[in-house]
Amino acid sequence: MTATTLLAAVLVAVGLVGIIVPILPGSVLVVAGVLVWAWAEGGVTAWTVFAVATGLVVVGAVVKYVVPGRRLQVAGIPATTQWVGVLLGVVGFFVVPVVGLFVGFVLGVYLAELARVGRREAWPSTVHSLKAVGLSIVIELVAASAATLVWIGGVVAT
């Protein structure tokens, strides 16, 4: 295993962790790791692996927004609720390191829904929004894991 392949492996691994702990740009790091490897390895196989891995990540990125977004629309939860959650999540990230992102998001969604539908319906809407975010994370993780498996196959093949 070359130093470049090891660096690529670290980038891919950190990227996979970054998807689960959304502080790092997970999918971007996975693609970057595969790109570093393809650049160093060269050849048709390496660049084909890079193209397939990137394609999987791009498809995952599209699906991770479309599927949960559609589920939220069906549930009647507006996009503005999610944006309030994101905004307070960003504020929370800086106010309370690490967990502030999650706490701020939940608080933001809850407050937006509290103002929109009242106390009785705010918490069920918040739970539904959190499930959509969880689904989004799972979709991105599956796509990045598939890209990782393609890359591992490429490493073995070259």
C-alpha atoms as a PDB file:
ATOM      1  CA  MET A   1       0.000   0.000   0.000  1.00  0.00           C
ATOM      2  CA  THR A   2       1.470   3.317  -1.068  1.00  0.00           C
ATOM      3  CA  ALA A   3       1.404   6.481   1.005  1.00  0.00           C
ATOM      4  CA  THR A   4      -1.077   8.000  -1.440  1.00  0.00           C
ATOM      5  CA  THR A   5      -3.429   5.044  -1.092  1.00  0.00           C
ATOM      6  CA  LEU A   6      -3.145   5.342   2.686  1.00  0.00           C
ATOM      7  CA  LEU A   7      -3.951   9.066   2.491  1.00  0.00           C
ATOM      8  CA  ALA A   8      -6.933   8.281   0.276  1.00  0.00           C
ATOM      9  CA  ALA A   9      -8.104   5.648   2.760  1.00  0.00           C
ATOM     10  CA  VAL A  10      -7.909   8.163   5.607  1.00  0.00           C
ATOM     11  CA  LEU A  11      -9.891  10.729   3.603  1.00  0.00           C
ATOM     12  CA  VAL A  12     -12.542   8.143   2.750  1.00  0.00           C
ATOM     13  CA  ALA A  13     -12.785   6.926   6.355  1.00  0.00           C
ATOM     14  CA  VAL A  14     -13.018  10.453   7.755  1.00  0.00           C
ATOM     15  CA  GLY A  15     -15.625  11.215   5.104  1.00  0.00           C
ATOM     16  CA  LEU A  16     -17.780   8.264   6.172  1.00  0.00           C
ATOM     17  CA  VAL A  17     -17.565   9.412   9.793  1.00  0.00           C
ATOM     18  CA  GLY A  18     -18.373  12.948   8.646  1.00  0.00           C
ATOM     19  CA  ILE A  19     -21.672  11.754   7.234  1.00  0.00           C
ATOM     20  CA  ILE A  20     -22.737  10.315  10.572  1.00  0.00           C
ATOM     21  CA  VAL A  21     -21.378  13.278  12.545  1.00  0.00           C
ATOM     22  CA  PRO A  22     -22.358  16.150  10.262  1.00  0.00           C
ATOM     23  CA  ILE A  23     -19.516  18.459  11.197  1.00  0.00           C
ATOM     24  CA  LEU A  24     -17.275  17.390   8.324  1.00  0.00           C
ATOM     25  CA  PRO A  25     -18.208  17.410   4.613  1.00  0.00           C
ATOM     26  CA  GLY A  26     -18.548  13.626   4.443  1.00  0.00           C
ATOM     27  CA  SER A  27     -19.349  12.880   0.818  1.00  0.00           C
ATOM     28  CA  VAL A  28     -16.915  15.521  -0.395  1.00  0.00           C
ATOM     29  CA  LEU A  29     -14.103  13.868   1.567  1.00  0.00           C
ATOM     30  CA  VAL A  30     -14.998  10.442   0.170  1.00  0.00           C
ATOM     31  CA  VAL A  31     -14.842  11.771  -3.396  1.00  0.00           C
ATOM     32  CA  ALA A  32     -11.630  13.666  -2.576  1.00  0.00           C
ATOM     33  CA  GLY A  33     -10.038  10.476  -1.268  1.00  0.00           C
ATOM     34  CA  VAL A  34     -10.949   8.562  -4.411  1.00  0.00           C
ATOM     35  CA  LEU A  35      -9.686  11.478  -6.533  1.00  0.00           C
ATOM     36  CA  VAL A  36      -6.321  11.526  -4.731  1.00  0.00           C
ATOM     37  CA  TRP A  37      -5.976   7.808  -5.351  1.00  0.00           C
ATOM     38  CA  ALA A  38      -7.057   8.026  -9.012  1.00  0.00           C
ATOM     39  CA  TRP A  39      -4.672  10.926  -9.651  1.00  0.00           C
ATOM     40  CA  ALA A  40      -1.720   9.037  -8.162  1.00  0.00           C
ATOM     41  CA  GLU A  41      -2.639   5.671  -9.658  1.00  0.00           C
ATOM     42  CA  GLY A  42      -3.515   6.911 -13.135  1.00  0.00           C
ATOM     43  CA  GLY A  43      -4.846   4.724 -15.896  1.00  0.00           C
ATOM     44  CA  VAL A  44      -8.247   3.811 -17.219  1.00  0.00           C
ATOM     45  CA  THR A  45      -9.207   1.650 -14.240  1.00  0.00           C
ATOM     46  CA  ALA A  46      -8.450   4.340 -11.660  1.00  0.00           C
ATOM     47  CA  TRP A  47     -10.326   7.048 -13.531  1.00  0.00           C
ATOM     48  CA  THR A  48     -13.276   4.727 -14.183  1.00  0.00           C
ATOM     49  CA  VAL A  49     -13.420   3.948 -10.465  1.00  0.00           C
ATOM     50  CA  PHE A  50     -13.356   7.681  -9.734  1.00  0.00           C
ATOM     51  CA  ALA A  51     -16.168   8.349 -12.232  1.00  0.00           C
ATOM     52  CA  VAL A  52     -18.375   5.563 -10.849  1.00  0.00           C
ATOM     53  CA  ALA A  53     -17.719   6.540  -7.223  1.00  0.00           C
ATOM     54  CA  THR A  54     -18.460  10.187  -7.975  1.00  0.00           C
ATOM     55  CA  GLY A  55     -21.620   9.216  -9.838  1.00  0.00           C
ATOM     56  CA  LEU A  56     -22.833   7.201  -6.852  1.00  0.00           C
ATOM     57  CA  VAL A  57     -22.208  10.114  -4.488  1.00  0.00           C
ATOM     58  CA  VAL A  58     -23.964  12.573  -6.818  1.00  0.00           C
ATOM     59  CA  VAL A  59     -27.006  10.310  -7.139  1.00  0.00           C
ATOM     60  CA  GLY A  60     -27.026   9.909  -3.353  1.00  0.00           C
ATOM     61  CA  ALA A  61     -26.878  13.686  -2.917  1.00  0.00           C
ATOM     62  CA  VAL A  62     -29.910  14.167  -5.141  1.00  0.00           C
ATOM     63  CA  VAL A  63     -31.900  11.366  -3.536  1.00  0.00           C
ATOM     64  CA  LYS A  64     -31.052  12.522   0.002  1.00  0.00           C
ATOM     65  CA  TYR A  65     -32.926  15.774  -0.658  1.00  0.00           C
ATOM     66  CA  VAL A  66     -35.749  14.523  -2.876  1.00  0.00           C
ATOM     67  CA  VAL A  67     -37.017  11.585  -0.823  1.00  0.00           C
ATOM     68  CA  PRO A  68     -37.135  13.211   2.649  1.00  0.00           C
ATOM     69  CA  GLY A  69     -38.393  16.472   1.132  1.00  0.00           C
ATOM     70  CA  ARG A  70     -41.276  14.684  -0.525  1.00  0.00           C
ATOM     71  CA  ARG A  71     -42.122  12.898   2.732  1.00  0.00           C
ATOM     72  CA  LEU A  72     -42.179  16.225   4.569  1.00  0.00           C
ATOM     73  CA  GLN A  73     -44.459  17.718   1.900  1.00  0.00           C
ATOM     74  CA  VAL A  74     -46.860  14.802   2.267  1.00  0.00           C
ATOM     75  CA  ALA A  75     -46.860  15.346   6.046  1.00  0.00           C
ATOM     76  CA  GLY A  76     -47.638  19.037   5.503  1.00  0.00           C
ATOM     77  CA  ILE A  77     -44.425  20.371   7.027  1.00  0.00           C
ATOM     78  CA  PRO A  78     -43.194  23.431   5.099  1.00  0.00           C
ATOM     79  CA  ALA A  79     -39.600  24.012   4.034  1.00  0.00           C
ATOM     80  CA  THR A  80     -39.510  27.143   6.191  1.00  0.00           C
ATOM     81  CA  THR A  81     -39.689  24.936   9.278  1.00  0.00           C
ATOM     82  CA  GLN A  82     -36.563  23.080   8.152  1.00  0.00           C
ATOM     83  CA  TRP A  83     -34.759  26.338   7.401  1.00  0.00           C
ATOM     84  CA  VAL A  84     -35.515  27.671  10.885  1.00  0.00           C
ATOM     85  CA  GLY A  85     -34.100  24.417  12.262  1.00  0.00           C
ATOM     86  CA  VAL A  86     -30.963  24.783  10.147  1.00  0.00           C
ATOM     87  CA  LEU A  87     -30.521  28.404  11.207  1.00  0.00           C
ATOM     88  CA  LEU A  88     -30.785  27.628  14.913  1.00  0.00           C
ATOM     89  CA  GLY A  89     -28.603  24.552  14.372  1.00  0.00           C
ATOM     90  CA  VAL A  90     -25.825  26.759  12.987  1.00  0.00           C
ATOM     91  CA  VAL A  91     -26.219  29.186  15.896  1.00  0.00           C
ATOM     92  CA  GLY A  92     -26.238  26.263  18.329  1.00  0.00           C
ATOM     93  CA  PHE A  93     -23.053  24.873  16.772  1.00  0.00           C
ATOM     94  CA  PHE A  94     -21.175  28.019  17.792  1.00  0.00           C
ATOM     95  CA  VAL A  95     -22.893  28.504  21.160  1.00  0.00           C
ATOM     96  CA  VAL A  96     -22.589  24.910  22.397  1.00  0.00           C
ATOM     97  CA  PRO A  97     -19.752  23.090  20.589  1.00  0.00           C
ATOM     98  CA  VAL A  98     -20.486  19.668  19.057  1.00  0.00           C
ATOM     99  CA  VAL A  99     -24.016  19.014  20.427  1.00  0.00           C
ATOM    100  CA  GLY A 100     -25.269  22.530  19.743  1.00  0.00           C
ATOM    101  CA  LEU A 101     -25.876  21.685  16.095  1.00  0.00           C
ATOM    102  CA  PHE A 102     -28.342  18.949  17.012  1.00  0.00           C
ATOM    103  CA  VAL A 103     -29.950  20.785  19.918  1.00  0.00           C
ATOM    104  CA  GLY A 104     -30.313  23.960  17.874  1.00  0.00           C
ATOM    105  CA  PHE A 105     -31.890  22.108  14.954  1.00  0.00           C
ATOM    106  CA  VAL A 106     -34.457  20.356  17.137  1.00  0.00           C
ATOM    107  CA  LEU A 107     -35.242  23.567  19.017  1.00  0.00           C
ATOM    108  CA  GLY A 108     -35.577  25.516  15.761  1.00  0.00           C
ATOM    109  CA  VAL A 109     -37.952  23.002  14.193  1.00  0.00           C
ATOM    110  CA  TYR A 110     -39.993  22.805  17.376  1.00  0.00           C
ATOM    111  CA  LEU A 111     -40.284  26.583  17.721  1.00  0.00           C
ATOM    112  CA  ALA A 112     -41.228  27.001  14.055  1.00  0.00           C
ATOM    113  CA  GLU A 113     -43.896  24.342  14.351  1.00  0.00           C
ATOM    114  CA  LEU A 114     -45.081  25.750  17.674  1.00  0.00           C
ATOM    115  CA  ALA A 115     -45.694  29.090  15.986  1.00  0.00           C
ATOM    116  CA  ARG A 116     -47.283  27.448  12.944  1.00  0.00           C
ATOM    117  CA  VAL A 117     -49.555  24.737  14.374  1.00  0.00           C
ATOM    118  CA  GLY A 118     -49.628  25.215  18.142  1.00  0.00           C
ATOM    119  CA  ARG A 119     -48.399  23.201  21.085  1.00  0.00           C
ATOM    120  CA  ARG A 120     -50.404  20.053  20.464  1.00  0.00           C
ATOM    121  CA  GLU A 121     -49.042  19.399  16.948  1.00  0.00           C
ATOM    122  CA  ALA A 122     -45.563  20.915  17.292  1.00  0.00           C
ATOM    123  CA  TRP A 123     -43.819  17.892  18.781  1.00  0.00           C
ATOM    124  CA  PRO A 124     -45.203  15.280  16.318  1.00  0.00           C
ATOM    125  CA  SER A 125     -44.142  17.563  13.451  1.00  0.00           C
ATOM    126  CA  THR A 126     -40.690  17.899  15.022  1.00  0.00           C
ATOM    127  CA  VAL A 127     -40.350  14.126  15.319  1.00  0.00           C
ATOM    128  CA  HIS A 128     -41.410  13.735  11.689  1.00  0.00           C
ATOM    129  CA  SER A 129     -38.772  16.286  10.648  1.00  0.00           C
ATOM    130  CA  LEU A 130     -36.092  14.480  12.635  1.00  0.00           C
ATOM    131  CA  LYS A 131     -37.009  11.204  10.951  1.00  0.00           C
ATOM    132  CA  ALA A 132     -36.615  12.914   7.577  1.00  0.00           C
ATOM    133  CA  VAL A 133     -33.151  14.158   8.576  1.00  0.00           C
ATOM    134  CA  GLY A 134     -32.242  10.647   9.741  1.00  0.00           C
ATOM    135  CA  LEU A 135     -33.405   9.210   6.417  1.00  0.00           C
ATOM    136  CA  SER A 136     -31.306  11.807   4.605  1.00  0.00           C
ATOM    137  CA  ILE A 137     -28.219  10.761   6.568  1.00  0.00           C
ATOM    138  CA  VAL A 138     -28.862   7.074   5.857  1.00  0.00           C
ATOM    139  CA  ILE A 139     -29.253   7.731   2.118  1.00  0.00           C
ATOM    140  CA  GLU A 140     -26.008   9.708   1.992  1.00  0.00           C
ATOM    141  CA  LEU A 141     -24.189   7.028   4.009  1.00  0.00           C
ATOM    142  CA  VAL A 142     -25.399   4.250   1.702  1.00  0.00           C
ATOM    143  CA  ALA A 143     -24.271   6.178  -1.392  1.00  0.00           C
ATOM    144  CA  ALA A 144     -20.858   6.994   0.103  1.00  0.00           C
ATOM    145  CA  SER A 145     -20.442   3.397   1.293  1.00  0.00           C
ATOM    146  CA  ALA A 146     -21.212   2.137  -2.212  1.00  0.00           C
ATOM    147  CA  ALA A 147     -18.618   4.570  -3.585  1.00  0.00           C
ATOM    148  CA  THR A 148     -16.149   3.295  -0.992  1.00  0.00           C
ATOM    149  CA  LEU A 149     -16.760  -0.308  -2.037  1.00  0.00           C
ATOM    150  CA  VAL A 150     -16.183   0.639  -5.675  1.00  0.00           C
ATOM    151  CA  TRP A 151     -12.927   2.335  -4.656  1.00  0.00           C
ATOM    152  CA  ILE A 152     -11.803  -0.693  -2.634  1.00  0.00           C
ATOM    153  CA  GLY A 153     -12.513  -2.850  -5.677  1.00  0.00           C
ATOM    154  CA  GLY A 154     -10.390  -0.492  -7.753  1.00  0.00           C
ATOM    155  CA  VAL A 155      -7.536  -0.624  -5.267  1.00  0.00           C
ATOM    156  CA  VAL A 156      -7.624  -4.429  -5.333  1.00  0.00           C
ATOM    157  CA  ALA A 157      -7.819  -4.486  -9.143  1.00  0.00           C
ATOM    158  CA  THR A 158      -4.805  -2.216  -9.658  1.00  0.00           C
END
